[in-house]
Every structure is written in structure tokens, then in C-alpha cells.
Amino acid sequence: MQFIKPLLTTALLLCASTLYAADLTGLWQTTDDHSGKPRSLVRIAESGGEYNAVVEKGLLPTDTGEAVCDKCTDERKGQKIIGMTIAKHLKKTANGSVYDSGEILDPENGKTYKCKMTLSPNGNELEVRGFIGFSLLGRSQTWKRVE
């Protein structure tokens, strides 16, 4: 019985450190706002303290990989959506599960929005919020971690 308490304490510390170490990096499945079906796979990577998201694959039956962002108004105009950076400049806050100060592009309408992402406690869901001005004026999606 004397060994159970230290063993449990060690196990809890290991679990807590694993959760704390979780971040945005990895592959995420997005959801189509209209149908509610899986829409794409997006890879988030960190570079220089900033997190960026790149579309890796479209998941709709109509996705051929040839679609381009005709409505984009920046350097992404005419660029293929597969391989496109759709979110950039996100930075981890002191909270550790919130990433903000970024921007996100909606390739369907070509508009860019301010962006905030919040990682769930288990690290398997990501609330992605795009907004204009401040966070109350916008919309959110929940992305699911694939890897």
C-alpha cells in the first residue's frame, strides 16, 4: 500500500505533462459548414513561434485537387487550394491552449479574417474562430485531430 500513492502521483504527473505538451501541430480534419461532412485535411506546423495551417487534401467527392482560389485578393489569387496556407501568424498565449493574433482565409469567398484557435483539454479538438474586429463577431468550426 505504501507504493500505491507514489505510483499514482507519478502517473498523474506524466498524464498532466502530456496534456500540457499538446499543441496545435499535427493533421486536422475540417468540416463543411453547409453539409456538416468532412471537408479537408489541414496540417498545422510551428515555425519561429508562429503556427501556420496548410490544406493537404480535400475530402469531398468533388475535390480533384485542381480547385484554385479565384476570389482571393492577395498573393493566393489563382493558387491551388491544396497546398495553400489558409491560417498564419497564430501565437500561443500564456494560457497555453489558446492561440491568437493570426489570420485565416476562407477559400470559398476569398476573405481573410482575424483568427483565434482554442485547443481542447485532451488535445483532440480545435475550436477555430474567424472574426472581424473582435471575437464576438464571427463564426467557429471544430476541427478534429487526425494525427
N, C-alpha and C. Protein backbone atom coordinates (compact mmCIF):
# COMPACT_ATOMS: atom_id res chain seq x y z
N MET A 1 0.81 -1.20 0.00
CA MET A 1 0.00 0.00 0.00
C MET A 1 0.85 1.27 0.00
N GLN A 2 2.05 1.21 0.59
CA GLN A 2 2.91 2.37 0.64
C GLN A 2 3.36 2.78 -0.76
N PHE A 3 3.41 1.86 -1.67
CA PHE A 3 3.92 2.14 -3.01
C PHE A 3 2.85 2.68 -3.95
N ILE A 4 1.59 2.51 -3.60
CA ILE A 4 0.50 2.93 -4.48
C ILE A 4 0.43 4.44 -4.61
N LYS A 5 0.55 5.17 -3.49
CA LYS A 5 0.43 6.63 -3.54
C LYS A 5 1.53 7.25 -4.41
N PRO A 6 2.81 6.92 -4.24
CA PRO A 6 3.83 7.49 -5.12
C PRO A 6 3.64 7.08 -6.59
N LEU A 7 3.18 5.86 -6.80
CA LEU A 7 2.94 5.39 -8.17
C LEU A 7 1.82 6.20 -8.83
N LEU A 8 0.73 6.42 -8.09
CA LEU A 8 -0.38 7.21 -8.62
C LEU A 8 0.05 8.66 -8.87
N THR A 9 0.82 9.22 -7.97
CA THR A 9 1.31 10.59 -8.13
C THR A 9 2.15 10.70 -9.39
N THR A 10 3.04 9.76 -9.61
CA THR A 10 3.89 9.76 -10.80
C THR A 10 3.04 9.64 -12.06
N ALA A 11 2.06 8.75 -12.04
CA ALA A 11 1.19 8.56 -13.20
C ALA A 11 0.41 9.84 -13.51
N LEU A 12 -0.10 10.51 -12.50
CA LEU A 12 -0.83 11.76 -12.72
C LEU A 12 0.07 12.85 -13.28
N LEU A 13 1.28 12.94 -12.78
CA LEU A 13 2.22 13.94 -13.31
C LEU A 13 2.56 13.68 -14.77
N LEU A 14 2.74 12.42 -15.12
CA LEU A 14 3.03 12.07 -16.52
C LEU A 14 1.86 12.44 -17.42
N CYS A 15 0.64 12.14 -16.97
CA CYS A 15 -0.55 12.49 -17.76
C CYS A 15 -0.68 13.99 -17.91
N ALA A 16 -0.46 14.72 -16.83
CA ALA A 16 -0.58 16.18 -16.88
C ALA A 16 0.47 16.77 -17.81
N SER A 17 1.68 16.26 -17.76
CA SER A 17 2.72 16.80 -18.64
C SER A 17 2.43 16.49 -20.10
N THR A 18 1.80 15.35 -20.37
CA THR A 18 1.42 15.01 -21.74
C THR A 18 0.36 15.97 -22.26
N LEU A 19 -0.65 16.28 -21.43
CA LEU A 19 -1.69 17.21 -21.84
C LEU A 19 -1.11 18.60 -22.03
N TYR A 20 -0.25 19.02 -21.13
CA TYR A 20 0.34 20.35 -21.23
C TYR A 20 1.18 20.48 -22.49
N ALA A 21 1.85 19.40 -22.88
CA ALA A 21 2.73 19.44 -24.03
C ALA A 21 1.97 19.46 -25.36
N ALA A 22 0.66 19.12 -25.34
CA ALA A 22 -0.12 19.11 -26.57
C ALA A 22 -0.18 20.51 -27.16
N ASP A 23 -0.02 20.62 -28.45
CA ASP A 23 -0.17 21.90 -29.12
C ASP A 23 -0.88 21.69 -30.44
N LEU A 24 -0.92 22.73 -31.24
CA LEU A 24 -1.67 22.69 -32.49
C LEU A 24 -1.05 21.82 -33.57
N THR A 25 0.25 21.56 -33.48
CA THR A 25 0.91 20.88 -34.58
C THR A 25 0.28 19.51 -34.84
N GLY A 26 0.10 19.21 -36.11
CA GLY A 26 -0.48 17.93 -36.50
C GLY A 26 -1.44 18.09 -37.65
N LEU A 27 -2.14 17.01 -37.95
CA LEU A 27 -3.09 16.97 -39.06
C LEU A 27 -4.51 17.04 -38.51
N TRP A 28 -5.32 17.93 -39.07
CA TRP A 28 -6.67 18.20 -38.58
C TRP A 28 -7.68 18.03 -39.70
N GLN A 29 -8.85 17.47 -39.35
CA GLN A 29 -9.95 17.32 -40.31
C GLN A 29 -10.93 18.46 -40.09
N THR A 30 -11.21 19.20 -41.15
CA THR A 30 -12.18 20.30 -41.08
C THR A 30 -13.55 19.76 -41.48
N THR A 31 -14.57 20.57 -41.22
CA THR A 31 -15.95 20.18 -41.53
C THR A 31 -16.58 21.23 -42.43
N ASP A 32 -17.33 20.79 -43.42
CA ASP A 32 -18.04 21.69 -44.31
C ASP A 32 -19.19 22.35 -43.55
N ASP A 33 -19.26 23.69 -43.60
CA ASP A 33 -20.30 24.43 -42.88
C ASP A 33 -21.71 24.10 -43.36
N HIS A 34 -21.86 23.79 -44.64
CA HIS A 34 -23.18 23.58 -45.21
C HIS A 34 -23.69 22.16 -45.00
N SER A 35 -22.84 21.17 -45.24
CA SER A 35 -23.29 19.77 -45.17
C SER A 35 -22.97 19.11 -43.83
N GLY A 36 -22.01 19.66 -43.10
CA GLY A 36 -21.58 19.04 -41.84
C GLY A 36 -20.67 17.84 -42.05
N LYS A 37 -20.27 17.60 -43.29
CA LYS A 37 -19.42 16.45 -43.61
C LYS A 37 -17.95 16.86 -43.60
N PRO A 38 -17.04 15.88 -43.44
CA PRO A 38 -15.61 16.20 -43.50
C PRO A 38 -15.29 16.93 -44.80
N ARG A 39 -14.52 18.03 -44.69
CA ARG A 39 -14.25 18.88 -45.85
C ARG A 39 -12.81 18.76 -46.36
N SER A 40 -11.85 18.79 -45.42
CA SER A 40 -10.45 18.76 -45.85
C SER A 40 -9.56 18.33 -44.70
N LEU A 41 -8.31 18.04 -45.06
CA LEU A 41 -7.27 17.77 -44.07
C LEU A 41 -6.31 18.94 -44.12
N VAL A 42 -6.03 19.49 -42.95
CA VAL A 42 -5.18 20.67 -42.83
C VAL A 42 -4.05 20.34 -41.86
N ARG A 43 -2.82 20.62 -42.27
CA ARG A 43 -1.66 20.38 -41.40
C ARG A 43 -1.22 21.70 -40.79
N ILE A 44 -1.11 21.69 -39.45
CA ILE A 44 -0.62 22.86 -38.73
C ILE A 44 0.81 22.58 -38.29
N ALA A 45 1.69 23.52 -38.58
CA ALA A 45 3.10 23.40 -38.21
C ALA A 45 3.54 24.69 -37.53
N GLU A 46 4.58 24.58 -36.71
CA GLU A 46 5.14 25.72 -36.00
C GLU A 46 6.48 26.10 -36.60
N SER A 47 6.70 27.39 -36.74
CA SER A 47 7.98 27.88 -37.23
C SER A 47 8.24 29.25 -36.60
N GLY A 48 9.33 29.36 -35.87
CA GLY A 48 9.68 30.63 -35.26
C GLY A 48 8.66 31.15 -34.27
N GLY A 49 7.97 30.25 -33.58
CA GLY A 49 6.97 30.66 -32.59
C GLY A 49 5.61 30.97 -33.16
N GLU A 50 5.45 30.82 -34.48
CA GLU A 50 4.16 31.04 -35.12
C GLU A 50 3.63 29.74 -35.71
N TYR A 51 2.32 29.59 -35.70
CA TYR A 51 1.67 28.40 -36.22
C TYR A 51 0.95 28.76 -37.52
N ASN A 52 1.12 27.91 -38.54
CA ASN A 52 0.50 28.10 -39.84
C ASN A 52 -0.21 26.82 -40.25
N ALA A 53 -1.29 26.97 -41.00
CA ALA A 53 -2.10 25.82 -41.43
C ALA A 53 -2.14 25.75 -42.95
N VAL A 54 -1.82 24.56 -43.50
CA VAL A 54 -1.79 24.34 -44.94
C VAL A 54 -2.76 23.22 -45.29
N VAL A 55 -3.56 23.45 -46.33
CA VAL A 55 -4.50 22.42 -46.80
C VAL A 55 -3.71 21.30 -47.47
N GLU A 56 -3.88 20.07 -46.96
CA GLU A 56 -3.18 18.91 -47.55
C GLU A 56 -4.05 18.13 -48.53
N LYS A 57 -5.35 18.06 -48.24
CA LYS A 57 -6.20 17.21 -49.06
C LYS A 57 -7.66 17.63 -48.91
N GLY A 58 -8.39 17.62 -50.02
CA GLY A 58 -9.83 17.83 -49.99
C GLY A 58 -10.52 16.48 -49.80
N LEU A 59 -11.61 16.46 -49.03
CA LEU A 59 -12.28 15.19 -48.72
C LEU A 59 -13.66 15.04 -49.37
N LEU A 60 -14.14 16.06 -50.05
CA LEU A 60 -15.44 15.95 -50.72
C LEU A 60 -15.27 15.16 -52.02
N PRO A 61 -16.30 14.43 -52.44
CA PRO A 61 -16.20 13.66 -53.68
C PRO A 61 -15.84 14.52 -54.89
N THR A 62 -16.17 15.81 -54.85
CA THR A 62 -15.89 16.71 -55.98
C THR A 62 -14.47 17.28 -55.96
N ASP A 63 -13.72 17.03 -54.89
CA ASP A 63 -12.36 17.58 -54.79
C ASP A 63 -11.41 16.79 -55.68
N THR A 64 -10.86 17.49 -56.67
CA THR A 64 -9.91 16.85 -57.58
C THR A 64 -8.49 17.31 -57.32
N GLY A 65 -8.35 18.33 -56.48
CA GLY A 65 -7.03 18.90 -56.23
C GLY A 65 -6.68 20.01 -57.20
N GLU A 66 -7.58 20.29 -58.14
CA GLU A 66 -7.32 21.32 -59.15
C GLU A 66 -7.98 22.66 -58.82
N ALA A 67 -8.84 22.71 -57.80
CA ALA A 67 -9.55 23.95 -57.47
C ALA A 67 -8.56 25.03 -57.06
N VAL A 68 -8.83 26.26 -57.53
CA VAL A 68 -7.99 27.40 -57.19
C VAL A 68 -8.83 28.46 -56.48
N CYS A 69 -8.16 29.36 -55.81
CA CYS A 69 -8.85 30.43 -55.09
C CYS A 69 -9.00 31.62 -56.02
N ASP A 70 -10.07 31.62 -56.80
CA ASP A 70 -10.34 32.71 -57.74
C ASP A 70 -10.77 33.99 -57.04
N LYS A 71 -11.36 33.85 -55.85
CA LYS A 71 -11.88 35.02 -55.14
C LYS A 71 -10.87 35.64 -54.18
N CYS A 72 -9.72 35.03 -54.04
CA CYS A 72 -8.68 35.60 -53.17
C CYS A 72 -8.23 36.94 -53.74
N THR A 73 -7.86 37.85 -52.86
CA THR A 73 -7.43 39.17 -53.31
C THR A 73 -5.96 39.44 -52.99
N ASP A 74 -5.27 38.47 -52.39
CA ASP A 74 -3.86 38.66 -52.06
C ASP A 74 -3.00 37.75 -52.95
N GLU A 75 -1.80 37.43 -52.49
CA GLU A 75 -0.87 36.61 -53.28
C GLU A 75 -1.40 35.21 -53.57
N ARG A 76 -2.49 34.81 -52.90
CA ARG A 76 -3.05 33.46 -53.11
C ARG A 76 -4.04 33.40 -54.28
N LYS A 77 -4.34 34.53 -54.89
CA LYS A 77 -5.29 34.54 -56.02
C LYS A 77 -4.77 33.63 -57.13
N GLY A 78 -5.62 32.70 -57.55
CA GLY A 78 -5.28 31.77 -58.60
C GLY A 78 -4.47 30.57 -58.14
N GLN A 79 -4.08 30.55 -56.87
CA GLN A 79 -3.30 29.44 -56.33
C GLN A 79 -4.21 28.25 -56.03
N LYS A 80 -3.69 27.05 -56.24
CA LYS A 80 -4.45 25.84 -55.89
C LYS A 80 -4.71 25.83 -54.38
N ILE A 81 -5.91 25.41 -54.01
CA ILE A 81 -6.27 25.37 -52.59
C ILE A 81 -5.48 24.28 -51.88
N ILE A 82 -5.27 23.13 -52.56
CA ILE A 82 -4.41 22.10 -51.98
C ILE A 82 -2.98 22.65 -51.98
N GLY A 83 -2.38 22.69 -50.82
CA GLY A 83 -1.05 23.26 -50.68
C GLY A 83 -1.04 24.71 -50.23
N MET A 84 -2.22 25.31 -50.13
CA MET A 84 -2.35 26.71 -49.75
C MET A 84 -2.30 26.88 -48.23
N THR A 85 -1.61 27.93 -47.79
CA THR A 85 -1.63 28.31 -46.37
C THR A 85 -2.91 29.09 -46.13
N ILE A 86 -3.79 28.54 -45.29
CA ILE A 86 -5.07 29.20 -45.04
C ILE A 86 -5.10 29.91 -43.69
N ALA A 87 -4.21 29.55 -42.77
CA ALA A 87 -4.12 30.25 -41.49
C ALA A 87 -2.65 30.50 -41.20
N LYS A 88 -2.36 31.69 -40.68
CA LYS A 88 -0.96 32.01 -40.40
C LYS A 88 -0.83 33.01 -39.27
N HIS A 89 0.38 33.08 -38.73
CA HIS A 89 0.77 34.02 -37.69
C HIS A 89 0.11 33.78 -36.33
N LEU A 90 -0.42 32.58 -36.09
CA LEU A 90 -1.01 32.29 -34.79
C LEU A 90 0.10 32.13 -33.76
N LYS A 91 -0.13 32.68 -32.57
CA LYS A 91 0.85 32.60 -31.50
C LYS A 91 0.20 32.05 -30.24
N LYS A 92 0.95 31.21 -29.54
CA LYS A 92 0.47 30.62 -28.29
C LYS A 92 0.39 31.71 -27.22
N THR A 93 -0.73 31.75 -26.50
CA THR A 93 -0.88 32.72 -25.41
C THR A 93 -0.36 32.12 -24.11
N ALA A 94 -0.34 32.93 -23.07
CA ALA A 94 0.10 32.46 -21.75
C ALA A 94 -0.78 31.33 -21.24
N ASN A 95 -2.04 31.31 -21.68
CA ASN A 95 -2.98 30.26 -21.29
C ASN A 95 -2.47 28.88 -21.73
N GLY A 96 -1.82 28.81 -22.87
CA GLY A 96 -1.26 27.56 -23.36
C GLY A 96 -2.17 26.76 -24.27
N SER A 97 -3.49 26.93 -24.14
CA SER A 97 -4.40 26.20 -25.03
C SER A 97 -5.06 27.13 -26.04
N VAL A 98 -4.77 28.43 -25.94
CA VAL A 98 -5.34 29.42 -26.85
C VAL A 98 -4.22 29.99 -27.72
N TYR A 99 -4.51 30.09 -29.01
CA TYR A 99 -3.58 30.62 -29.99
C TYR A 99 -4.31 31.74 -30.71
N ASP A 100 -3.70 32.94 -30.73
CA ASP A 100 -4.40 34.04 -31.39
C ASP A 100 -3.43 34.94 -32.14
N SER A 101 -3.88 36.11 -32.49
CA SER A 101 -3.11 37.10 -33.26
C SER A 101 -2.85 36.63 -34.69
N GLY A 102 -3.62 35.67 -35.16
CA GLY A 102 -3.43 35.16 -36.51
C GLY A 102 -4.51 35.61 -37.46
N GLU A 103 -4.45 35.07 -38.65
CA GLU A 103 -5.48 35.32 -39.64
C GLU A 103 -5.81 34.02 -40.36
N ILE A 104 -7.03 33.94 -40.87
CA ILE A 104 -7.47 32.75 -41.59
C ILE A 104 -8.20 33.17 -42.85
N LEU A 105 -8.00 32.40 -43.90
CA LEU A 105 -8.62 32.65 -45.20
C LEU A 105 -9.74 31.65 -45.42
N ASP A 106 -10.88 32.14 -45.91
CA ASP A 106 -11.95 31.26 -46.37
C ASP A 106 -11.81 31.18 -47.89
N PRO A 107 -11.27 30.07 -48.42
CA PRO A 107 -11.05 29.98 -49.88
C PRO A 107 -12.33 30.06 -50.70
N GLU A 108 -13.48 29.78 -50.08
CA GLU A 108 -14.74 29.84 -50.83
C GLU A 108 -15.12 31.25 -51.21
N ASN A 109 -14.84 32.22 -50.32
CA ASN A 109 -15.20 33.60 -50.63
C ASN A 109 -13.99 34.52 -50.78
N GLY A 110 -12.80 34.00 -50.51
CA GLY A 110 -11.58 34.78 -50.68
C GLY A 110 -11.31 35.79 -49.59
N LYS A 111 -12.14 35.79 -48.55
CA LYS A 111 -11.98 36.77 -47.48
C LYS A 111 -11.05 36.25 -46.38
N THR A 112 -10.31 37.20 -45.80
CA THR A 112 -9.40 36.90 -44.71
C THR A 112 -9.98 37.49 -43.43
N TYR A 113 -9.91 36.72 -42.35
CA TYR A 113 -10.45 37.12 -41.06
C TYR A 113 -9.37 37.00 -39.99
N LYS A 114 -9.54 37.74 -38.91
CA LYS A 114 -8.70 37.51 -37.74
C LYS A 114 -9.03 36.11 -37.24
N CYS A 115 -8.08 35.48 -36.57
CA CYS A 115 -8.28 34.09 -36.17
C CYS A 115 -7.78 33.83 -34.76
N LYS A 116 -8.54 32.98 -34.08
CA LYS A 116 -8.20 32.51 -32.74
C LYS A 116 -8.50 31.01 -32.72
N MET A 117 -7.61 30.22 -32.18
CA MET A 117 -7.83 28.78 -32.07
C MET A 117 -7.67 28.36 -30.62
N THR A 118 -8.59 27.50 -30.17
CA THR A 118 -8.56 27.01 -28.80
C THR A 118 -8.51 25.49 -28.82
N LEU A 119 -7.47 24.94 -28.23
CA LEU A 119 -7.27 23.50 -28.17
C LEU A 119 -8.03 22.92 -26.99
N SER A 120 -8.75 21.82 -27.21
CA SER A 120 -9.48 21.17 -26.13
C SER A 120 -8.51 20.59 -25.10
N PRO A 121 -8.98 20.35 -23.88
CA PRO A 121 -8.08 19.80 -22.84
C PRO A 121 -7.42 18.48 -23.24
N ASN A 122 -8.10 17.64 -24.02
CA ASN A 122 -7.49 16.36 -24.42
C ASN A 122 -6.64 16.50 -25.68
N GLY A 123 -6.65 17.67 -26.31
CA GLY A 123 -5.81 17.93 -27.48
C GLY A 123 -6.34 17.35 -28.77
N ASN A 124 -7.57 16.83 -28.78
CA ASN A 124 -8.11 16.18 -29.98
C ASN A 124 -9.12 17.00 -30.75
N GLU A 125 -9.53 18.15 -30.20
CA GLU A 125 -10.45 19.04 -30.89
C GLU A 125 -9.89 20.44 -30.85
N LEU A 126 -10.17 21.17 -31.91
CA LEU A 126 -9.66 22.53 -32.04
C LEU A 126 -10.81 23.43 -32.45
N GLU A 127 -11.14 24.40 -31.60
CA GLU A 127 -12.16 25.38 -31.99
C GLU A 127 -11.45 26.48 -32.77
N VAL A 128 -11.85 26.65 -34.02
CA VAL A 128 -11.24 27.64 -34.90
C VAL A 128 -12.27 28.75 -35.10
N ARG A 129 -11.91 29.96 -34.68
CA ARG A 129 -12.83 31.08 -34.77
C ARG A 129 -12.26 32.15 -35.69
N GLY A 130 -13.01 32.47 -36.74
CA GLY A 130 -12.67 33.56 -37.63
C GLY A 130 -13.61 34.71 -37.34
N PHE A 131 -13.06 35.94 -37.30
CA PHE A 131 -13.90 37.07 -36.93
C PHE A 131 -13.39 38.37 -37.54
N ILE A 132 -14.28 39.37 -37.51
CA ILE A 132 -13.95 40.71 -37.97
C ILE A 132 -14.00 41.60 -36.73
N GLY A 133 -12.97 42.38 -36.52
CA GLY A 133 -12.97 43.29 -35.37
C GLY A 133 -12.63 42.57 -34.09
N PHE A 134 -13.65 42.07 -33.40
CA PHE A 134 -13.41 41.32 -32.17
C PHE A 134 -14.15 40.01 -32.21
N SER A 135 -13.74 39.10 -31.35
CA SER A 135 -14.13 37.69 -31.43
C SER A 135 -15.63 37.41 -31.37
N LEU A 136 -16.42 38.33 -30.83
CA LEU A 136 -17.87 38.10 -30.75
C LEU A 136 -18.53 38.14 -32.13
N LEU A 137 -17.93 38.85 -33.08
CA LEU A 137 -18.49 38.96 -34.42
C LEU A 137 -17.76 38.01 -35.36
N GLY A 138 -18.21 36.77 -35.38
CA GLY A 138 -17.56 35.78 -36.25
C GLY A 138 -18.27 34.45 -36.19
N ARG A 139 -17.57 33.43 -36.64
CA ARG A 139 -18.11 32.07 -36.59
C ARG A 139 -17.01 31.10 -36.24
N SER A 140 -17.42 29.98 -35.71
CA SER A 140 -16.46 28.96 -35.28
C SER A 140 -16.71 27.64 -35.97
N GLN A 141 -15.66 26.86 -36.11
CA GLN A 141 -15.72 25.47 -36.55
C GLN A 141 -14.93 24.66 -35.55
N THR A 142 -15.28 23.39 -35.44
CA THR A 142 -14.48 22.48 -34.63
C THR A 142 -13.77 21.52 -35.56
N TRP A 143 -12.45 21.52 -35.47
CA TRP A 143 -11.63 20.61 -36.25
C TRP A 143 -11.25 19.45 -35.36
N LYS A 144 -11.15 18.26 -35.96
CA LYS A 144 -10.80 17.02 -35.23
C LYS A 144 -9.38 16.61 -35.59
N ARG A 145 -8.61 16.24 -34.58
CA ARG A 145 -7.23 15.81 -34.81
C ARG A 145 -7.22 14.44 -35.49
N VAL A 146 -6.44 14.32 -36.55
CA VAL A 146 -6.26 13.05 -37.26
C VAL A 146 -4.94 12.41 -36.83
N GLU A 147 -3.92 13.24 -36.67
CA GLU A 147 -2.62 12.75 -36.17
C GLU A 147 -1.89 13.87 -35.47
